[in-house]
């Protein structure tokens, strides 16, 4: 097999794509009769592939993976840390016909000039045969046809764990909620103009959002915590429970609508 690309962003795309191809083959070979077994094997196989390739091609870098050692203190002193989610949206991966699952590969660099210090990232959506990466950022998305013609904003939210306040928020905004699986799939839906925003609160980790945020911000979108503060990665506690991704012109409106919800928590 030929060596992967040297540049970090192209390497992230290559790596996410390789893990995605493996997961597609596994899905086809195993079928869907044993969802729990398919989920477990998918997580392990994709994690093993990512770690093997990072060990081979980026041996000096640290790794933070959902399926690996989450609190290895060595990464906190590292100059570069790969933050990966080998299979985001395991429930959807194990359900026949669903395509809203993903592979996330991001690089945090101490020397990066971006606020979140994400130097590269890629999100593979294998069942959609798509890989989006910071090496070739997509064009800035338009408003959805609904919002562009004065209709409701479309807001992606968790299919299984929507924030408690999201229904009331949507009512305040006159927005339509669009449930989806993987965080990567939801952010890619914003990037592609299929929804206008993604809002989440109440349970995520760095690997859930690092690669999607890297791609979204490379596209020119807004990404922050739901209180508007910056997203920070490679922290001692990898929990990063909330996220807003949207067009920049929508950010003030969404954050203002979120503020009273936060104050009442």
C-alpha atoms as a PDB file:
ATOM      1  CA  UNK A   1       0.000   0.000   0.000  1.00  0.00           C
ATOM      2  CA  UNK A   2       1.254   3.475  -0.889  1.00  0.00           C
ATOM      3  CA  UNK A   3       2.254   5.844   1.865  1.00  0.00           C
ATOM      4  CA  UNK A   4      -0.461   8.263   3.004  1.00  0.00           C
ATOM      5  CA  UNK A   5      -0.311  12.013   2.323  1.00  0.00           C
ATOM      6  CA  UNK A   6       2.330  13.915   4.274  1.00  0.00           C
ATOM      7  CA  UNK A   7       0.273  17.028   5.053  1.00  0.00           C
ATOM      8  CA  UNK A   8      -1.721  16.638   8.264  1.00  0.00           C
ATOM      9  CA  UNK A   9      -5.084  17.700   6.830  1.00  0.00           C
ATOM     10  CA  UNK A  10      -4.820  15.342   3.864  1.00  0.00           C
ATOM     11  CA  UNK A  11      -3.615  12.604   6.199  1.00  0.00           C
ATOM     12  CA  UNK A  12      -6.687  13.124   8.418  1.00  0.00           C
ATOM     13  CA  UNK A  13      -8.942  12.711   5.362  1.00  0.00           C
ATOM     14  CA  UNK A  14      -7.062   9.572   4.289  1.00  0.00           C
ATOM     15  CA  UNK A  15      -7.237   8.074   7.767  1.00  0.00           C
ATOM     16  CA  UNK A  16     -10.946   8.777   8.292  1.00  0.00           C
ATOM     17  CA  UNK A  17     -11.688   7.355   4.872  1.00  0.00           C
ATOM     18  CA  UNK A  18      -9.763   4.153   5.558  1.00  0.00           C
ATOM     19  CA  UNK A  19     -11.593   3.553   8.827  1.00  0.00           C
ATOM     20  CA  UNK A  20     -14.888   4.247   7.087  1.00  0.00           C
ATOM     21  CA  UNK A  21     -14.167   1.674   4.377  1.00  0.00           C
ATOM     22  CA  UNK A  22     -13.397  -0.913   7.043  1.00  0.00           C
ATOM     23  CA  UNK A  23     -16.686  -0.183   8.821  1.00  0.00           C
ATOM     24  CA  UNK A  24     -18.671  -0.504   5.597  1.00  0.00           C
ATOM     25  CA  UNK A  25     -17.103  -3.912   4.914  1.00  0.00           C
ATOM     26  CA  UNK A  26     -17.810  -5.047   8.464  1.00  0.00           C
ATOM     27  CA  UNK A  27     -21.438  -3.950   8.211  1.00  0.00           C
ATOM     28  CA  UNK A  28     -21.845  -5.864   4.959  1.00  0.00           C
ATOM     29  CA  UNK A  29     -20.137  -9.013   6.232  1.00  0.00           C
ATOM     30  CA  UNK A  30     -21.878  -9.232   9.622  1.00  0.00           C
ATOM     31  CA  UNK A  31     -25.315  -7.991   8.757  1.00  0.00           C
ATOM     32  CA  UNK A  32     -27.690  -6.590  11.383  1.00  0.00           C
ATOM     33  CA  UNK A  33     -28.939  -9.653  13.267  1.00  0.00           C
ATOM     34  CA  UNK A  34     -26.706  -8.899  16.277  1.00  0.00           C
ATOM     35  CA  UNK A  35     -26.726  -5.096  16.721  1.00  0.00           C
ATOM     36  CA  UNK A  36     -24.774  -5.100  19.994  1.00  0.00           C
ATOM     37  CA  UNK A  37     -22.083  -7.338  18.538  1.00  0.00           C
ATOM     38  CA  UNK A  38     -21.860  -5.219  15.386  1.00  0.00           C
ATOM     39  CA  UNK A  39     -21.470  -2.045  17.436  1.00  0.00           C
ATOM     40  CA  UNK A  40     -18.756  -3.557  19.639  1.00  0.00           C
ATOM     41  CA  UNK A  41     -16.785  -4.959  16.716  1.00  0.00           C
ATOM     42  CA  UNK A  42     -17.123  -1.748  14.747  1.00  0.00           C
ATOM     43  CA  UNK A  43     -15.776   0.339  17.624  1.00  0.00           C
ATOM     44  CA  UNK A  44     -12.842  -2.015  18.184  1.00  0.00           C
ATOM     45  CA  UNK A  45     -11.862  -2.574  14.566  1.00  0.00           C
ATOM     46  CA  UNK A  46     -11.964   1.114  13.656  1.00  0.00           C
ATOM     47  CA  UNK A  47     -10.067   2.069  16.823  1.00  0.00           C
ATOM     48  CA  UNK A  48      -7.398  -0.542  16.143  1.00  0.00           C
ATOM     49  CA  UNK A  49      -6.944   0.673  12.565  1.00  0.00           C
ATOM     50  CA  UNK A  50      -6.673   4.336  13.580  1.00  0.00           C
ATOM     51  CA  UNK A  51      -4.182   3.592  16.343  1.00  0.00           C
ATOM     52  CA  UNK A  52      -2.073   1.349  14.119  1.00  0.00           C
ATOM     53  CA  UNK A  53      -1.823   3.951  11.359  1.00  0.00           C
ATOM     54  CA  UNK A  54      -1.136   6.797  13.782  1.00  0.00           C
ATOM     55  CA  UNK A  55       1.561   4.709  15.452  1.00  0.00           C
ATOM     56  CA  UNK A  56       3.110   3.996  12.059  1.00  0.00           C
ATOM     57  CA  UNK A  57       2.882   7.431  10.447  1.00  0.00           C
ATOM     58  CA  UNK A  58       2.665   9.866  13.394  1.00  0.00           C
ATOM     59  CA  UNK A  59       4.591   7.998  16.070  1.00  0.00           C
ATOM     60  CA  UNK A  60       5.676  11.123  17.952  1.00  0.00           C
ATOM     61  CA  UNK A  61       2.123  12.408  18.431  1.00  0.00           C
ATOM     62  CA  UNK A  62      -0.236  11.612  21.317  1.00  0.00           C
ATOM     63  CA  UNK A  63      -3.738  10.204  20.786  1.00  0.00           C
ATOM     64  CA  UNK A  64      -7.053  10.747  22.553  1.00  0.00           C
ATOM     65  CA  UNK A  65      -9.645   8.215  21.394  1.00  0.00           C
ATOM     66  CA  UNK A  66     -13.095   7.373  22.683  1.00  0.00           C
ATOM     67  CA  UNK A  67     -12.095   3.718  22.726  1.00  0.00           C
ATOM     68  CA  UNK A  68      -8.632   4.234  24.239  1.00  0.00           C
ATOM     69  CA  UNK A  69      -7.092   5.556  27.434  1.00  0.00           C
ATOM     70  CA  UNK A  70      -9.060   8.748  28.012  1.00  0.00           C
ATOM     71  CA  UNK A  71      -7.008  10.416  30.690  1.00  0.00           C
ATOM     72  CA  UNK A  72      -3.413   9.572  29.825  1.00  0.00           C
ATOM     73  CA  UNK A  73      -1.583  12.541  31.363  1.00  0.00           C
ATOM     74  CA  UNK A  74       1.146  12.309  28.708  1.00  0.00           C
ATOM     75  CA  UNK A  75      -1.110  13.938  26.130  1.00  0.00           C
ATOM     76  CA  UNK A  76      -1.442  17.093  28.242  1.00  0.00           C
ATOM     77  CA  UNK A  77       2.221  17.905  27.722  1.00  0.00           C
ATOM     78  CA  UNK A  78       2.295  16.872  24.072  1.00  0.00           C
ATOM     79  CA  UNK A  79       2.716  19.370  21.256  1.00  0.00           C
ATOM     80  CA  UNK A  80       0.322  17.462  19.004  1.00  0.00           C
ATOM     81  CA  UNK A  81      -2.632  15.226  19.889  1.00  0.00           C
ATOM     82  CA  UNK A  82      -4.876  13.318  17.493  1.00  0.00           C
ATOM     83  CA  UNK A  83      -8.444  13.358  18.821  1.00  0.00           C
ATOM     84  CA  UNK A  84     -10.420  10.552  17.211  1.00  0.00           C
ATOM     85  CA  UNK A  85     -13.811   8.913  17.433  1.00  0.00           C
ATOM     86  CA  UNK A  86     -13.516   5.602  15.572  1.00  0.00           C
ATOM     87  CA  UNK A  87     -17.295   5.224  15.254  1.00  0.00           C
ATOM     88  CA  UNK A  88     -19.587   8.107  16.123  1.00  0.00           C
ATOM     89  CA  UNK A  89     -23.236   7.068  16.044  1.00  0.00           C
ATOM     90  CA  UNK A  90     -22.873   3.417  16.990  1.00  0.00           C
ATOM     91  CA  UNK A  91     -26.646   2.972  17.319  1.00  0.00           C
ATOM     92  CA  UNK A  92     -27.181   4.160  13.751  1.00  0.00           C
ATOM     93  CA  UNK A  93     -24.265   2.045  12.501  1.00  0.00           C
ATOM     94  CA  UNK A  94     -26.049  -1.064  13.777  1.00  0.00           C
ATOM     95  CA  UNK A  95     -29.389  -0.194  12.164  1.00  0.00           C
ATOM     96  CA  UNK A  96     -29.889  -1.286   8.570  1.00  0.00           C
ATOM     97  CA  UNK A  97     -30.488   1.574   6.172  1.00  0.00           C
ATOM     98  CA  UNK A  98     -29.175   4.370   8.390  1.00  0.00           C
ATOM     99  CA  UNK A  99     -26.398   6.565   7.052  1.00  0.00           C
ATOM    100  CA  UNK A 100     -26.030   9.088   9.927  1.00  0.00           C
ATOM    101  CA  UNK A 101     -22.893   7.600  11.508  1.00  0.00           C
ATOM    102  CA  UNK A 102     -19.334   8.784  11.093  1.00  0.00           C
ATOM    103  CA  UNK A 103     -15.603   8.541  11.728  1.00  0.00           C
ATOM    104  CA  UNK A 104     -13.905  11.589  13.284  1.00  0.00           C
ATOM    105  CA  UNK A 105     -10.188  12.380  12.979  1.00  0.00           C
ATOM    106  CA  UNK A 106      -8.799  15.698  14.251  1.00  0.00           C
ATOM    107  CA  UNK A 107      -5.385  17.068  15.142  1.00  0.00           C
ATOM    108  CA  UNK A 108      -4.938  19.422  18.098  1.00  0.00           C
ATOM    109  CA  UNK A 109      -1.684  21.371  17.959  1.00  0.00           C
ATOM    110  CA  UNK A 110      -0.235  23.589  20.658  1.00  0.00           C
ATOM    111  CA  UNK A 111       1.098  25.905  17.949  1.00  0.00           C
ATOM    112  CA  UNK A 112      -2.155  26.223  15.989  1.00  0.00           C
ATOM    113  CA  UNK A 113      -3.441  29.783  15.687  1.00  0.00           C
ATOM    114  CA  UNK A 114      -7.155  28.889  15.674  1.00  0.00           C
ATOM    115  CA  UNK A 115      -9.023  29.543  18.972  1.00  0.00           C
ATOM    116  CA  UNK A 116      -9.674  25.840  19.456  1.00  0.00           C
ATOM    117  CA  UNK A 117      -6.138  24.869  18.300  1.00  0.00           C
ATOM    118  CA  UNK A 118      -7.486  22.298  15.892  1.00  0.00           C
ATOM    119  CA  UNK A 119      -4.943  22.216  13.085  1.00  0.00           C
ATOM    120  CA  UNK A 120      -6.638  19.609  10.889  1.00  0.00           C
ATOM    121  CA  UNK A 121      -9.721  17.465  10.800  1.00  0.00           C
ATOM    122  CA  UNK A 122     -11.857  15.150   8.704  1.00  0.00           C
ATOM    123  CA  UNK A 123     -15.299  13.605   9.068  1.00  0.00           C
ATOM    124  CA  UNK A 124     -16.079  10.477   7.075  1.00  0.00           C
ATOM    125  CA  UNK A 125     -19.702   9.541   6.454  1.00  0.00           C
ATOM    126  CA  UNK A 126     -19.037   6.101   4.988  1.00  0.00           C
ATOM    127  CA  UNK A 127     -22.632   5.115   4.232  1.00  0.00           C
ATOM    128  CA  UNK A 128     -23.014   8.411   2.356  1.00  0.00           C
ATOM    129  CA  UNK A 129     -19.677   7.885   0.542  1.00  0.00           C
ATOM    130  CA  UNK A 130     -18.457  11.292   1.718  1.00  0.00           C
ATOM    131  CA  UNK A 131     -15.375  12.558   3.514  1.00  0.00           C
ATOM    132  CA  UNK A 132     -15.193  16.246   4.428  1.00  0.00           C
ATOM    133  CA  UNK A 133     -11.870  17.666   5.547  1.00  0.00           C
ATOM    134  CA  UNK A 134      -9.983  20.835   6.305  1.00  0.00           C
ATOM    135  CA  UNK A 135      -7.643  20.173   3.393  1.00  0.00           C
ATOM    136  CA  UNK A 136     -10.483  21.006   0.988  1.00  0.00           C
ATOM    137  CA  UNK A 137     -13.094  22.882   3.037  1.00  0.00           C
ATOM    138  CA  UNK A 138     -16.587  22.927   1.528  1.00  0.00           C
ATOM    139  CA  UNK A 139     -18.104  26.192   0.359  1.00  0.00           C
ATOM    140  CA  UNK A 140     -19.927  28.316   2.921  1.00  0.00           C
ATOM    141  CA  UNK A 141     -23.484  26.986   3.087  1.00  0.00           C
ATOM    142  CA  UNK A 142     -26.626  28.883   2.167  1.00  0.00           C
ATOM    143  CA  UNK A 143     -29.642  29.116   4.413  1.00  0.00           C
ATOM    144  CA  UNK A 144     -31.940  26.178   3.970  1.00  0.00           C
ATOM    145  CA  UNK A 145     -34.729  26.831   1.432  1.00  0.00           C
ATOM    146  CA  UNK A 146     -37.191  27.017   4.322  1.00  0.00           C
ATOM    147  CA  UNK A 147     -35.287  29.733   6.208  1.00  0.00           C
ATOM    148  CA  UNK A 148     -34.342  31.592   3.034  1.00  0.00           C
ATOM    149  CA  UNK A 149     -38.007  32.086   2.129  1.00  0.00           C
ATOM    150  CA  UNK A 150     -39.075  33.247   5.595  1.00  0.00           C
ATOM    151  CA  UNK A 151     -40.045  29.826   6.889  1.00  0.00           C
ATOM    152  CA  UNK A 152     -38.707  28.063   9.984  1.00  0.00           C
ATOM    153  CA  UNK A 153     -35.061  27.532  10.716  1.00  0.00           C
ATOM    154  CA  UNK A 154     -34.082  23.878  10.656  1.00  0.00           C
ATOM    155  CA  UNK A 155     -32.102  22.819  13.744  1.00  0.00           C
ATOM    156  CA  UNK A 156     -30.395  19.433  13.975  1.00  0.00           C
ATOM    157  CA  UNK A 157     -30.645  17.793  17.368  1.00  0.00           C
ATOM    158  CA  UNK A 158     -29.864  14.445  18.915  1.00  0.00           C
ATOM    159  CA  UNK A 159     -32.061  11.603  17.789  1.00  0.00           C
ATOM    160  CA  UNK A 160     -31.821   9.848  21.169  1.00  0.00           C
ATOM    161  CA  UNK A 161     -30.610  12.517  23.659  1.00  0.00           C
ATOM    162  CA  UNK A 162     -32.086  15.902  22.727  1.00  0.00           C
ATOM    163  CA  UNK A 163     -31.414  18.655  25.277  1.00  0.00           C
ATOM    164  CA  UNK A 164     -34.315  19.134  27.682  1.00  0.00           C
ATOM    165  CA  UNK A 165     -34.822  22.741  26.581  1.00  0.00           C
ATOM    166  CA  UNK A 166     -34.597  22.232  22.831  1.00  0.00           C
ATOM    167  CA  UNK A 167     -38.340  21.876  22.160  1.00  0.00           C
ATOM    168  CA  UNK A 168     -39.094  25.137  23.983  1.00  0.00           C
ATOM    169  CA  UNK A 169     -36.185  26.834  22.211  1.00  0.00           C
ATOM    170  CA  UNK A 170     -37.535  25.712  18.840  1.00  0.00           C
ATOM    171  CA  UNK A 171     -40.976  27.030  19.776  1.00  0.00           C
ATOM    172  CA  UNK A 172     -39.481  30.417  20.734  1.00  0.00           C
ATOM    173  CA  UNK A 173     -37.627  30.618  17.435  1.00  0.00           C
ATOM    174  CA  UNK A 174     -40.370  29.132  15.309  1.00  0.00           C
ATOM    175  CA  UNK A 175     -37.832  26.508  14.277  1.00  0.00           C
ATOM    176  CA  UNK A 176     -38.193  22.945  13.054  1.00  0.00           C
ATOM    177  CA  UNK A 177     -36.215  20.230  14.870  1.00  0.00           C
ATOM    178  CA  UNK A 178     -34.453  17.627  12.718  1.00  0.00           C
ATOM    179  CA  UNK A 179     -33.371  14.552  14.753  1.00  0.00           C
ATOM    180  CA  UNK A 180     -30.179  12.838  13.555  1.00  0.00           C
ATOM    181  CA  UNK A 181     -27.608  10.368  14.813  1.00  0.00           C
ATOM    182  CA  UNK A 182     -23.880  11.114  14.861  1.00  0.00           C
ATOM    183  CA  UNK A 183     -22.629  14.561  15.868  1.00  0.00           C
ATOM    184  CA  UNK A 184     -20.479  14.420  12.766  1.00  0.00           C
ATOM    185  CA  UNK A 185     -23.518  13.817  10.576  1.00  0.00           C
ATOM    186  CA  UNK A 186     -25.340  16.740  12.212  1.00  0.00           C
ATOM    187  CA  UNK A 187     -22.455  19.169  11.712  1.00  0.00           C
ATOM    188  CA  UNK A 188     -22.019  17.995   8.117  1.00  0.00           C
ATOM    189  CA  UNK A 189     -25.738  18.698   7.606  1.00  0.00           C
ATOM    190  CA  UNK A 190     -25.059  22.307   8.666  1.00  0.00           C
ATOM    191  CA  UNK A 191     -22.014  22.474   6.399  1.00  0.00           C
ATOM    192  CA  UNK A 192     -24.086  21.174   3.502  1.00  0.00           C
ATOM    193  CA  UNK A 193     -26.989  23.577   4.038  1.00  0.00           C
ATOM    194  CA  UNK A 194     -29.436  20.783   4.901  1.00  0.00           C
ATOM    195  CA  UNK A 195     -30.070  22.348   8.314  1.00  0.00           C
ATOM    196  CA  UNK A 196     -29.310  25.840   9.586  1.00  0.00           C
ATOM    197  CA  UNK A 197     -27.809  24.925  12.963  1.00  0.00           C
ATOM    198  CA  UNK A 198     -26.903  22.139  15.340  1.00  0.00           C
ATOM    199  CA  UNK A 199     -27.440  22.580  19.071  1.00  0.00           C
ATOM    200  CA  UNK A 200     -26.473  20.039  21.713  1.00  0.00           C
ATOM    201  CA  UNK A 201     -26.157  20.029  25.499  1.00  0.00           C
ATOM    202  CA  UNK A 202     -25.859  17.434  28.193  1.00  0.00           C
ATOM    203  CA  UNK A 203     -23.254  14.863  27.297  1.00  0.00           C
ATOM    204  CA  UNK A 204     -20.442  14.928  24.778  1.00  0.00           C
ATOM    205  CA  UNK A 205     -16.675  14.534  24.864  1.00  0.00           C
ATOM    206  CA  UNK A 206     -13.862  16.097  22.889  1.00  0.00           C
ATOM    207  CA  UNK A 207     -13.850  13.285  20.315  1.00  0.00           C
ATOM    208  CA  UNK A 208     -17.527  13.901  19.544  1.00  0.00           C
ATOM    209  CA  UNK A 209     -16.942  17.414  18.275  1.00  0.00           C
ATOM    210  CA  UNK A 210     -13.238  18.000  17.477  1.00  0.00           C
ATOM    211  CA  UNK A 211     -13.214  16.829  13.862  1.00  0.00           C
ATOM    212  CA  UNK A 212     -16.667  18.223  13.012  1.00  0.00           C
ATOM    213  CA  UNK A 213     -15.740  21.594  14.558  1.00  0.00           C
ATOM    214  CA  UNK A 214     -12.449  21.682  12.640  1.00  0.00           C
ATOM    215  CA  UNK A 215     -14.332  21.148   9.358  1.00  0.00           C
ATOM    216  CA  UNK A 216     -17.118  23.588  10.241  1.00  0.00           C
ATOM    217  CA  UNK A 217     -14.786  26.424  11.202  1.00  0.00           C
ATOM    218  CA  UNK A 218     -12.587  25.809   8.158  1.00  0.00           C
ATOM    219  CA  UNK A 219     -15.780  26.338   6.147  1.00  0.00           C
ATOM    220  CA  UNK A 220     -16.346  29.661   7.929  1.00  0.00           C
ATOM    221  CA  UNK A 221     -19.157  28.603  10.249  1.00  0.00           C
ATOM    222  CA  UNK A 222     -19.619  29.607  13.879  1.00  0.00           C
ATOM    223  CA  UNK A 223     -18.828  26.955  16.521  1.00  0.00           C
ATOM    224  CA  UNK A 224     -18.887  27.519  20.288  1.00  0.00           C
ATOM    225  CA  UNK A 225     -20.249  26.354  23.604  1.00  0.00           C
ATOM    226  CA  UNK A 226     -23.949  27.155  24.067  1.00  0.00           C
ATOM    227  CA  UNK A 227     -23.015  30.127  26.287  1.00  0.00           C
ATOM    228  CA  UNK A 228     -20.917  31.516  23.411  1.00  0.00           C
ATOM    229  CA  UNK A 229     -17.548  30.684  24.970  1.00  0.00           C
ATOM    230  CA  UNK A 230     -14.743  29.068  22.996  1.00  0.00           C
ATOM    231  CA  UNK A 231     -14.404  25.325  22.578  1.00  0.00           C
ATOM    232  CA  UNK A 232     -11.193  24.048  24.151  1.00  0.00           C
ATOM    233  CA  UNK A 233      -9.563  20.707  23.404  1.00  0.00           C
ATOM    234  CA  UNK A 234      -6.889  18.502  24.954  1.00  0.00           C
ATOM    235  CA  UNK A 235      -8.106  19.397  28.422  1.00  0.00           C
ATOM    236  CA  UNK A 236      -7.470  17.245  31.533  1.00  0.00           C
ATOM    237  CA  UNK A 237     -11.163  16.301  31.622  1.00  0.00           C
ATOM    238  CA  UNK A 238     -12.214  15.427  28.048  1.00  0.00           C
ATOM    239  CA  UNK A 239     -15.887  16.155  28.712  1.00  0.00           C
ATOM    240  CA  UNK A 240     -17.135  18.925  26.428  1.00  0.00           C
ATOM    241  CA  UNK A 241     -20.871  18.619  26.913  1.00  0.00           C
ATOM    242  CA  UNK A 242     -22.421  21.307  24.733  1.00  0.00           C
ATOM    243  CA  UNK A 243     -22.063  22.747  21.268  1.00  0.00           C
ATOM    244  CA  UNK A 244     -23.577  25.209  18.788  1.00  0.00           C
ATOM    245  CA  UNK A 245     -22.645  25.116  15.098  1.00  0.00           C
ATOM    246  CA  UNK A 246     -24.377  27.486  12.687  1.00  0.00           C
ATOM    247  CA  UNK A 247     -23.955  30.156  10.040  1.00  0.00           C
ATOM    248  CA  UNK A 248     -22.198  33.196  11.523  1.00  0.00           C
ATOM    249  CA  UNK A 249     -25.157  35.492  10.823  1.00  0.00           C
ATOM    250  CA  UNK A 250     -27.431  33.213  12.864  1.00  0.00           C
ATOM    251  CA  UNK A 251     -25.114  32.924  15.878  1.00  0.00           C
ATOM    252  CA  UNK A 252     -26.189  36.120  17.709  1.00  0.00           C
ATOM    253  CA  UNK A 253     -29.878  35.175  17.413  1.00  0.00           C
ATOM    254  CA  UNK A 254     -29.367  31.591  18.551  1.00  0.00           C
ATOM    255  CA  UNK A 255     -27.058  32.481  21.447  1.00  0.00           C
ATOM    256  CA  UNK A 256     -29.471  35.195  22.624  1.00  0.00           C
ATOM    257  CA  UNK A 257     -32.330  32.675  22.573  1.00  0.00           C
ATOM    258  CA  UNK A 258     -30.215  30.190  24.491  1.00  0.00           C
ATOM    259  CA  UNK A 259     -29.183  32.652  27.228  1.00  0.00           C
ATOM    260  CA  UNK A 260     -32.420  32.616  29.258  1.00  0.00           C
ATOM    261  CA  UNK A 261     -32.481  28.842  29.067  1.00  0.00           C
ATOM    262  CA  UNK A 262     -29.018  28.715  30.618  1.00  0.00           C
ATOM    263  CA  UNK A 263     -29.915  31.253  33.304  1.00  0.00           C
ATOM    264  CA  UNK A 264     -32.908  29.161  34.340  1.00  0.00           C
ATOM    265  CA  UNK A 265     -30.893  25.942  34.668  1.00  0.00           C
END
